[in-house]
Amino acid sequence: MTRRVSAFLVALAAFMIFEWINLGFNLADGHKTSFYVVHGVLIAVNILLALTLAAVGVRGWMRGRADH
């Protein structure tokens, strides 16, 4: 994996974490409990996915070769 791809994965992970946490804080009150449960599960799954992407990106950066 090139360092360019690794950097992209880390940047994508950072963006995903920012966006999903931001969504969590911006959920309006007044919905049914199921709404919050579904969105909580979506937020948790996407943050775990972002952390996985970040780990792959960092590992690729450490092992990667420089772009030519």
N, C-alpha and C. Protein backbone atom coordinates (compact mmCIF):
# COMPACT_ATOMS: atom_id res chain seq x y z
N MET A 1 0.85 -1.16 0.00
CA MET A 1 0.00 0.00 0.00
C MET A 1 0.90 1.23 0.00
N THR A 2 0.57 2.18 -0.84
CA THR A 2 1.37 3.40 -0.91
C THR A 2 1.02 4.32 0.26
N ARG A 3 1.91 5.26 0.50
CA ARG A 3 1.66 6.22 1.57
C ARG A 3 0.50 7.14 1.22
N ARG A 4 0.27 7.37 -0.05
CA ARG A 4 -0.86 8.21 -0.47
C ARG A 4 -2.18 7.54 -0.10
N VAL A 5 -2.28 6.26 -0.35
CA VAL A 5 -3.49 5.51 0.00
C VAL A 5 -3.65 5.47 1.51
N SER A 6 -2.56 5.26 2.22
CA SER A 6 -2.60 5.23 3.68
C SER A 6 -3.07 6.56 4.26
N ALA A 7 -2.55 7.64 3.73
CA ALA A 7 -2.97 8.97 4.19
C ALA A 7 -4.44 9.21 3.90
N PHE A 8 -4.90 8.75 2.75
CA PHE A 8 -6.32 8.88 2.42
C PHE A 8 -7.19 8.13 3.42
N LEU A 9 -6.79 6.91 3.78
CA LEU A 9 -7.57 6.12 4.74
C LEU A 9 -7.62 6.80 6.10
N VAL A 10 -6.52 7.34 6.54
CA VAL A 10 -6.50 8.03 7.84
C VAL A 10 -7.36 9.29 7.78
N ALA A 11 -7.27 10.04 6.70
CA ALA A 11 -8.09 11.25 6.56
C ALA A 11 -9.58 10.90 6.48
N LEU A 12 -9.91 9.84 5.76
CA LEU A 12 -11.30 9.39 5.68
C LEU A 12 -11.82 8.97 7.05
N ALA A 13 -10.99 8.28 7.81
CA ALA A 13 -11.39 7.85 9.15
C ALA A 13 -11.64 9.05 10.06
N ALA A 14 -10.77 10.04 9.99
CA ALA A 14 -10.95 11.25 10.81
C ALA A 14 -12.24 11.97 10.43
N PHE A 15 -12.51 12.07 9.14
CA PHE A 15 -13.74 12.71 8.68
C PHE A 15 -14.97 11.94 9.16
N MET A 16 -14.93 10.62 9.06
CA MET A 16 -16.07 9.81 9.49
C MET A 16 -16.33 9.97 10.98
N ILE A 17 -15.28 9.95 11.78
CA ILE A 17 -15.46 10.10 13.22
C ILE A 17 -16.05 11.47 13.54
N PHE A 18 -15.52 12.51 12.93
CA PHE A 18 -16.05 13.86 13.15
C PHE A 18 -17.52 13.94 12.76
N GLU A 19 -17.86 13.45 11.59
CA GLU A 19 -19.24 13.56 11.10
C GLU A 19 -20.23 12.78 11.96
N TRP A 20 -19.90 11.56 12.34
CA TRP A 20 -20.84 10.75 13.10
C TRP A 20 -21.00 11.23 14.52
N ILE A 21 -19.92 11.72 15.15
CA ILE A 21 -20.06 12.30 16.48
C ILE A 21 -20.87 13.58 16.41
N ASN A 22 -20.63 14.37 15.38
CA ASN A 22 -21.41 15.59 15.18
C ASN A 22 -22.89 15.26 15.00
N LEU A 23 -23.20 14.24 14.24
CA LEU A 23 -24.59 13.82 14.07
C LEU A 23 -25.20 13.42 15.40
N GLY A 24 -24.44 12.69 16.20
CA GLY A 24 -24.94 12.26 17.50
C GLY A 24 -25.32 13.42 18.39
N PHE A 25 -24.52 14.48 18.37
CA PHE A 25 -24.83 15.64 19.19
C PHE A 25 -25.96 16.48 18.61
N ASN A 26 -26.22 16.36 17.32
CA ASN A 26 -27.24 17.19 16.69
C ASN A 26 -28.60 16.52 16.54
N LEU A 27 -28.76 15.31 17.07
CA LEU A 27 -30.07 14.67 17.00
C LEU A 27 -31.04 15.45 17.87
N ALA A 28 -32.17 15.83 17.29
CA ALA A 28 -33.15 16.63 18.00
C ALA A 28 -33.97 15.76 18.95
N ASP A 29 -34.45 16.38 20.00
CA ASP A 29 -35.31 15.68 20.95
C ASP A 29 -36.70 15.53 20.34
N GLY A 30 -37.49 14.62 20.91
CA GLY A 30 -38.86 14.47 20.50
C GLY A 30 -39.15 13.29 19.60
N HIS A 31 -38.16 12.45 19.36
CA HIS A 31 -38.38 11.27 18.54
C HIS A 31 -38.68 10.08 19.44
N LYS A 32 -39.14 9.02 18.82
CA LYS A 32 -39.38 7.78 19.55
C LYS A 32 -38.04 7.17 19.96
N THR A 33 -38.07 6.32 20.96
CA THR A 33 -36.86 5.67 21.44
C THR A 33 -36.18 4.86 20.35
N SER A 34 -36.97 4.21 19.50
CA SER A 34 -36.40 3.39 18.43
C SER A 34 -35.54 4.23 17.48
N PHE A 35 -35.91 5.47 17.26
CA PHE A 35 -35.13 6.38 16.42
C PHE A 35 -33.72 6.53 17.00
N TYR A 36 -33.64 6.76 18.31
CA TYR A 36 -32.35 6.96 18.95
C TYR A 36 -31.55 5.66 19.02
N VAL A 37 -32.23 4.54 19.19
CA VAL A 37 -31.53 3.25 19.22
C VAL A 37 -30.90 2.97 17.86
N VAL A 38 -31.67 3.15 16.79
CA VAL A 38 -31.17 2.89 15.44
C VAL A 38 -30.00 3.82 15.12
N HIS A 39 -30.15 5.09 15.41
CA HIS A 39 -29.07 6.02 15.11
C HIS A 39 -27.85 5.79 16.01
N GLY A 40 -28.08 5.37 17.24
CA GLY A 40 -26.96 5.04 18.11
C GLY A 40 -26.16 3.86 17.58
N VAL A 41 -26.88 2.85 17.08
CA VAL A 41 -26.21 1.69 16.48
C VAL A 41 -25.45 2.11 15.23
N LEU A 42 -26.05 2.93 14.39
CA LEU A 42 -25.37 3.42 13.19
C LEU A 42 -24.10 4.19 13.54
N ILE A 43 -24.20 5.05 14.54
CA ILE A 43 -23.03 5.83 14.96
C ILE A 43 -21.94 4.90 15.47
N ALA A 44 -22.29 3.96 16.32
CA ALA A 44 -21.30 3.04 16.89
C ALA A 44 -20.61 2.21 15.81
N VAL A 45 -21.40 1.67 14.88
CA VAL A 45 -20.83 0.84 13.82
C VAL A 45 -19.91 1.67 12.92
N ASN A 46 -20.32 2.87 12.58
CA ASN A 46 -19.49 3.69 11.70
C ASN A 46 -18.24 4.19 12.39
N ILE A 47 -18.29 4.44 13.68
CA ILE A 47 -17.07 4.83 14.39
C ILE A 47 -16.12 3.64 14.47
N LEU A 48 -16.63 2.45 14.71
CA LEU A 48 -15.77 1.26 14.70
C LEU A 48 -15.15 1.03 13.32
N LEU A 49 -15.92 1.25 12.27
CA LEU A 49 -15.40 1.15 10.91
C LEU A 49 -14.31 2.18 10.68
N ALA A 50 -14.52 3.39 11.15
CA ALA A 50 -13.52 4.45 10.98
C ALA A 50 -12.24 4.11 11.74
N LEU A 51 -12.38 3.58 12.94
CA LEU A 51 -11.19 3.19 13.70
C LEU A 51 -10.42 2.06 13.00
N THR A 52 -11.15 1.16 12.38
CA THR A 52 -10.51 0.09 11.62
C THR A 52 -9.77 0.65 10.41
N LEU A 53 -10.41 1.57 9.69
CA LEU A 53 -9.75 2.22 8.55
C LEU A 53 -8.50 2.97 9.00
N ALA A 54 -8.59 3.64 10.14
CA ALA A 54 -7.43 4.37 10.65
C ALA A 54 -6.30 3.41 10.99
N ALA A 55 -6.62 2.29 11.60
CA ALA A 55 -5.59 1.31 11.95
C ALA A 55 -4.92 0.75 10.69
N VAL A 56 -5.72 0.45 9.68
CA VAL A 56 -5.16 -0.05 8.42
C VAL A 56 -4.30 1.03 7.77
N GLY A 57 -4.77 2.27 7.80
CA GLY A 57 -4.01 3.36 7.21
C GLY A 57 -2.69 3.60 7.91
N VAL A 58 -2.70 3.58 9.24
CA VAL A 58 -1.46 3.79 9.99
C VAL A 58 -0.50 2.63 9.76
N ARG A 59 -1.02 1.42 9.77
CA ARG A 59 -0.16 0.26 9.52
C ARG A 59 0.43 0.34 8.11
N GLY A 60 -0.38 0.74 7.14
CA GLY A 60 0.11 0.89 5.77
C GLY A 60 1.15 2.00 5.66
N TRP A 61 0.96 3.08 6.41
CA TRP A 61 1.91 4.18 6.39
C TRP A 61 3.26 3.72 6.93
N MET A 62 3.22 2.94 8.02
CA MET A 62 4.47 2.48 8.63
C MET A 62 5.21 1.49 7.73
N ARG A 63 4.47 0.67 7.02
CA ARG A 63 5.09 -0.34 6.15
C ARG A 63 5.21 0.11 4.71
N GLY A 64 4.53 1.19 4.35
CA GLY A 64 4.41 1.60 2.96
C GLY A 64 5.69 2.11 2.36
N ARG A 65 5.65 2.20 1.08
CA ARG A 65 6.77 2.74 0.34
C ARG A 65 6.41 4.16 -0.11
N ALA A 66 7.39 4.94 -0.37
CA ALA A 66 7.15 6.31 -0.83
C ALA A 66 6.67 6.28 -2.28
N ASP A 67 5.78 7.22 -2.61
CA ASP A 67 5.31 7.33 -3.99
C ASP A 67 6.43 7.81 -4.90
N HIS A 68 6.42 7.28 -6.10
CA HIS A 68 7.40 7.72 -7.10
C HIS A 68 6.68 8.27 -8.28
